[in-house]
């Protein structure tokens, strides 16, 4: 019974801990997913705004001046570190320009095909394999431009957080299991002592109740069998009454 009680305590505690860990890890990964999506969207917006104006808005020979060394990435840094390609269309939807100089994994023919497919879908945003694209009308109103951003690094970073948080969660779960098993013995000790006291109480009470019941049963049997003389019946009846009162007193004490 003690082992069953300890097992139930461990299962209940670990169920609560498991739910807590899952909620914590789920919250961390959902927040990380939102941050990754926002970063990808921000980069797409920035590259789209830059490339809707000209073919090479930030040539390497003309970087922005007065950039703080410890500041966040600006548009020029994002442009240099991003892996993307650009497809431009005329007003009839024909491809007029393809720029794959910022990526090595896509040829001009593949970029043109992906751009044409995105244009035919008619949606402003979408995905094509590991690339996410943003299709918008050019600032001069002549045709549109689609920027395809390679998001594999961002999603690899997200998956890395998922794996690391999952591994950390498993380690914490294992440590908590060991701790709960150790503490469960101490936690159920008062309950075990209470059960032992209850068993001892039942044993003692049974012994105390058995004595007057045995006397009452013996006296009644003597009277019933006619062994006692008629003049002795009041004495035996008195003994039965005394033992009955003793039994009543014991029951009241219990």
Protein backbone atom coordinates (compact mmCIF):
# COMPACT_ATOMS: atom_id res chain seq x y z
CA UNK A 1 0.00 0.00 0.00
CA UNK A 2 2.86 2.35 0.82
CA UNK A 3 4.45 1.71 -2.59
CA UNK A 4 1.11 2.33 -4.31
CA UNK A 5 0.70 5.58 -2.38
CA UNK A 6 4.23 6.70 -3.27
CA UNK A 7 3.65 5.79 -6.93
CA UNK A 8 0.43 7.82 -7.01
CA UNK A 9 2.22 10.79 -5.43
CA UNK A 10 5.05 10.61 -8.01
CA UNK A 11 2.62 10.28 -10.94
CA UNK A 12 0.52 13.21 -9.77
CA UNK A 13 3.53 15.46 -9.16
CA UNK A 14 5.17 14.55 -12.47
CA UNK A 15 1.93 15.13 -14.36
CA UNK A 16 1.80 18.68 -12.99
CA UNK A 17 5.51 19.23 -13.71
CA UNK A 18 5.12 17.86 -17.25
CA UNK A 19 2.25 20.23 -17.98
CA UNK A 20 4.27 23.15 -16.60
CA UNK A 21 7.35 22.28 -18.68
CA UNK A 22 5.26 21.84 -21.84
CA UNK A 23 3.57 25.19 -21.31
CA UNK A 24 6.92 26.88 -20.69
CA UNK A 25 8.62 25.31 -23.72
CA UNK A 26 5.56 25.93 -25.86
CA UNK A 27 5.53 29.60 -24.87
CA UNK A 28 9.25 29.95 -25.61
CA UNK A 29 8.98 28.33 -29.04
CA UNK A 30 5.82 30.19 -30.01
CA UNK A 31 7.50 33.48 -29.05
CA UNK A 32 10.61 32.46 -31.01
CA UNK A 33 8.46 31.55 -34.03
CA UNK A 34 6.77 34.95 -33.93
CA UNK A 35 10.15 36.70 -33.68
CA UNK A 36 11.54 34.70 -36.63
CA UNK A 37 8.49 35.49 -38.75
CA UNK A 38 8.74 39.18 -37.88
CA UNK A 39 12.44 39.23 -38.74
CA UNK A 40 11.81 37.56 -42.10
CA UNK A 41 8.94 39.96 -42.82
CA UNK A 42 11.01 42.97 -41.80
CA UNK A 43 13.88 41.88 -44.06
CA UNK A 44 11.50 41.26 -46.95
CA UNK A 45 9.91 44.68 -46.50
CA UNK A 46 13.31 46.36 -46.39
CA UNK A 47 14.67 44.56 -49.45
CA UNK A 48 11.45 45.14 -51.36
CA UNK A 49 11.48 48.87 -50.64
CA UNK A 50 15.14 49.08 -51.63
CA UNK A 51 14.81 47.14 -54.88
CA UNK A 52 11.66 48.86 -56.11
CA UNK A 53 13.76 51.96 -56.81
CA UNK A 54 16.66 50.70 -58.91
CA UNK A 55 18.75 47.73 -59.87
CA UNK A 56 21.53 48.36 -57.34
CA UNK A 57 20.38 50.77 -54.63
CA UNK A 58 23.41 50.23 -52.38
CA UNK A 59 26.54 49.56 -54.42
CA UNK A 60 29.42 48.17 -52.31
CA UNK A 61 31.51 51.23 -53.09
CA UNK A 62 29.00 53.58 -51.51
CA UNK A 63 28.04 52.34 -48.02
CA UNK A 64 26.21 54.65 -45.61
CA UNK A 65 28.44 56.88 -43.51
CA UNK A 66 28.59 57.34 -39.75
CA UNK A 67 27.32 53.89 -38.81
CA UNK A 68 27.75 53.07 -35.06
CA UNK A 69 29.85 49.96 -34.52
CA UNK A 70 27.69 48.70 -31.64
CA UNK A 71 24.34 49.62 -33.20
CA UNK A 72 21.77 47.29 -34.79
CA UNK A 73 21.94 46.21 -38.43
CA UNK A 74 20.81 48.92 -40.80
CA UNK A 75 19.42 48.56 -44.32
CA UNK A 76 22.89 48.32 -45.88
CA UNK A 77 23.99 45.57 -43.49
CA UNK A 78 20.77 43.67 -44.11
CA UNK A 79 21.29 44.03 -47.86
CA UNK A 80 24.82 42.60 -47.66
CA UNK A 81 23.96 39.70 -45.31
CA UNK A 82 20.73 38.59 -46.99
CA UNK A 83 20.55 35.78 -49.52
CA UNK A 84 17.91 36.81 -52.06
CA UNK A 85 17.12 37.40 -55.71
CA UNK A 86 14.96 39.91 -57.56
CA UNK A 87 12.50 39.51 -60.43
CA UNK A 88 10.85 42.48 -62.16
CA UNK A 89 7.78 42.42 -64.36
CA UNK A 90 6.22 44.83 -66.83
CA UNK A 91 2.58 45.85 -66.76
CA UNK A 92 1.61 42.77 -68.79
CA UNK A 93 3.31 40.42 -66.31
CA UNK A 94 6.30 39.60 -68.48
CA UNK A 95 9.69 39.22 -66.79
CA UNK A 96 11.90 42.16 -67.69
CA UNK A 97 14.78 41.81 -65.24
CA UNK A 98 16.30 39.07 -63.07
CA UNK A 99 19.05 39.62 -60.49
CA UNK A 100 20.57 36.52 -58.86
CA UNK A 101 23.87 38.11 -57.83
CA UNK A 102 22.89 37.89 -54.15
CA UNK A 103 22.39 34.12 -54.17
CA UNK A 104 24.31 31.14 -55.51
CA UNK A 105 21.62 28.49 -55.20
CA UNK A 106 19.32 29.73 -57.98
CA UNK A 107 20.01 30.26 -61.67
CA UNK A 108 18.42 33.02 -63.73
CA UNK A 109 16.13 30.49 -65.42
CA UNK A 110 14.97 29.10 -62.06
CA UNK A 111 14.50 32.61 -60.67
CA UNK A 112 12.45 33.63 -63.71
CA UNK A 113 10.28 30.52 -63.40
CA UNK A 114 9.71 31.05 -59.66
CA UNK A 115 8.93 34.72 -60.26
CA UNK A 116 6.44 33.92 -63.01
CA UNK A 117 4.71 31.37 -60.80
CA UNK A 118 4.47 33.87 -57.94
CA UNK A 119 3.12 36.56 -60.27
CA UNK A 120 0.46 34.22 -61.65
CA UNK A 121 -0.73 33.37 -58.13
CA UNK A 122 -1.69 37.00 -57.69
CA UNK A 123 -0.81 37.09 -53.99
CA UNK A 124 1.42 39.72 -52.44
CA UNK A 125 3.23 37.24 -50.20
CA UNK A 126 3.96 33.57 -50.36
CA UNK A 127 6.64 30.91 -50.31
CA UNK A 128 8.47 28.77 -52.84
CA UNK A 129 10.61 26.09 -51.25
CA UNK A 130 13.04 27.69 -48.85
CA UNK A 131 12.32 31.17 -50.27
CA UNK A 132 9.65 33.59 -49.14
CA UNK A 133 8.68 36.32 -51.56
CA UNK A 134 7.07 39.73 -51.48
CA UNK A 135 5.48 40.97 -54.72
CA UNK A 136 4.67 44.68 -54.99
CA UNK A 137 4.06 47.30 -57.62
CA UNK A 138 7.07 49.42 -58.56
CA UNK A 139 7.23 52.96 -57.24
CA UNK A 140 7.02 54.40 -60.75
CA UNK A 141 3.80 52.48 -61.36
CA UNK A 142 5.31 50.52 -64.23
CA UNK A 143 5.04 46.84 -63.48
CA UNK A 144 6.00 45.07 -60.26
CA UNK A 145 8.97 43.63 -58.42
CA UNK A 146 9.23 40.39 -56.47
CA UNK A 147 11.94 39.82 -53.88
CA UNK A 148 12.65 36.17 -52.96
CA UNK A 149 14.43 35.81 -49.61
CA UNK A 150 16.23 32.63 -48.56
CA UNK A 151 14.86 31.90 -45.06
CA UNK A 152 16.71 28.65 -44.43
CA UNK A 153 19.06 30.26 -41.89
CA UNK A 154 16.19 31.77 -39.93
CA UNK A 155 14.28 28.48 -39.82
CA UNK A 156 17.45 26.59 -38.93
CA UNK A 157 17.85 28.99 -36.01
CA UNK A 158 14.23 28.36 -35.01
CA UNK A 159 14.68 24.56 -35.20
CA UNK A 160 17.87 24.85 -33.16
CA UNK A 161 15.93 26.63 -30.41
CA UNK A 162 13.25 23.91 -30.59
CA UNK A 163 15.83 21.13 -30.22
CA UNK A 164 17.79 22.88 -27.47
CA UNK A 165 14.67 23.76 -25.50
CA UNK A 166 13.37 20.22 -25.96
CA UNK A 167 16.66 18.74 -24.73
CA UNK A 168 16.70 21.14 -21.77
CA UNK A 169 13.10 20.23 -21.01
CA UNK A 170 13.92 16.49 -21.01
CA UNK A 171 16.91 17.03 -18.72
CA UNK A 172 14.84 19.14 -16.33
CA UNK A 173 12.05 16.55 -16.42
CA UNK A 174 14.52 13.78 -15.54
CA UNK A 175 16.04 15.81 -12.70
CA UNK A 176 12.60 16.66 -11.36
CA UNK A 177 11.62 12.98 -11.52
CA UNK A 178 14.60 12.03 -9.36
CA UNK A 179 13.88 14.87 -6.94
CA UNK A 180 10.19 13.96 -6.68
CA UNK A 181 11.03 10.30 -6.00
CA UNK A 182 13.42 11.34 -3.20
CA UNK A 183 10.99 13.85 -1.71
CA UNK A 184 8.00 11.52 -2.05
CA UNK A 185 9.30 9.35 0.79
CA UNK A 186 9.40 12.34 3.07
CA UNK A 187 6.10 13.70 1.78
CA UNK A 188 4.12 10.51 2.43
CA UNK A 189 5.80 9.76 5.77
CA UNK A 190 3.05 11.50 7.82
CA UNK A 191 0.41 9.62 5.83
CA UNK A 192 2.21 6.30 6.40
CA UNK A 193 2.51 7.02 10.13
CA UNK A 194 -1.17 7.92 10.24
CA UNK A 195 -2.10 4.66 8.51
CA UNK A 196 0.03 2.70 10.98
CA UNK A 197 -1.62 4.50 13.89
CA UNK A 198 -5.03 3.72 12.42
CA UNK A 199 -4.13 0.03 12.14
CA UNK A 200 -2.84 -0.01 15.72
CA UNK A 201 -5.98 1.78 16.87
CA UNK A 202 -8.23 -0.76 15.16
CA UNK A 203 -6.23 -3.61 16.75
CA UNK A 204 -6.43 -2.08 20.23
CA UNK A 205 -10.11 -1.19 19.88
CA UNK A 206 -10.92 -4.71 18.72
CA UNK A 207 -9.12 -6.17 21.71
CA UNK A 208 -10.88 -3.81 24.15
CA UNK A 209 -14.31 -4.54 22.64
CA UNK A 210 -13.77 -8.29 22.55
CA UNK A 211 -13.42 -8.59 26.37
CA UNK A 212 -16.90 -7.28 27.39
CA UNK A 213 -18.54 -8.96 24.41
CA UNK A 214 -17.04 -12.30 25.47
CA UNK A 215 -18.32 -11.80 29.02
CA UNK A 216 -21.82 -10.84 27.86
CA UNK A 217 -21.94 -13.80 25.49
CA UNK A 218 -20.78 -16.19 28.27
CA UNK A 219 -23.26 -14.97 30.86
CA UNK A 220 -26.12 -15.05 28.37
CA UNK A 221 -25.25 -18.60 27.33
CA UNK A 222 -25.22 -19.78 30.97
CA UNK A 223 -28.67 -18.27 31.56
CA UNK A 224 -30.05 -19.64 28.30
CA UNK A 225 -28.84 -23.19 29.02
CA UNK A 226 -30.40 -23.14 32.54
CA UNK A 227 -27.12 -23.95 34.19
CA UNK A 228 -27.53 -21.16 36.75
CA UNK A 229 -29.99 -21.36 39.60
CA UNK A 230 -33.03 -19.07 39.42
CA UNK A 231 -31.92 -17.08 42.44
CA UNK A 232 -28.54 -16.41 40.70
CA UNK A 233 -30.08 -15.06 37.51
CA UNK A 234 -30.22 -11.45 38.84
CA UNK A 235 -26.50 -11.61 39.57
CA UNK A 236 -25.67 -12.83 36.07
CA UNK A 237 -28.06 -10.27 34.60
CA UNK A 238 -26.26 -7.60 36.63
CA UNK A 239 -22.91 -8.77 35.23
CA UNK A 240 -24.37 -8.59 31.72
CA UNK A 241 -25.59 -5.06 32.45
CA UNK A 242 -22.18 -4.02 33.82
CA UNK A 243 -20.35 -5.41 30.79
CA UNK A 244 -22.90 -3.71 28.52
CA UNK A 245 -22.25 -0.37 30.19
CA UNK A 246 -18.54 -0.94 29.84
CA UNK A 247 -19.06 -1.70 26.15
CA UNK A 248 -21.14 1.46 25.73
CA UNK A 249 -18.39 3.48 27.45
CA UNK A 250 -15.76 2.02 25.12
CA UNK A 251 -17.88 2.86 22.06
CA UNK A 252 -18.34 6.42 23.33
CA UNK A 253 -14.57 6.72 23.82
CA UNK A 254 -13.98 5.47 20.30
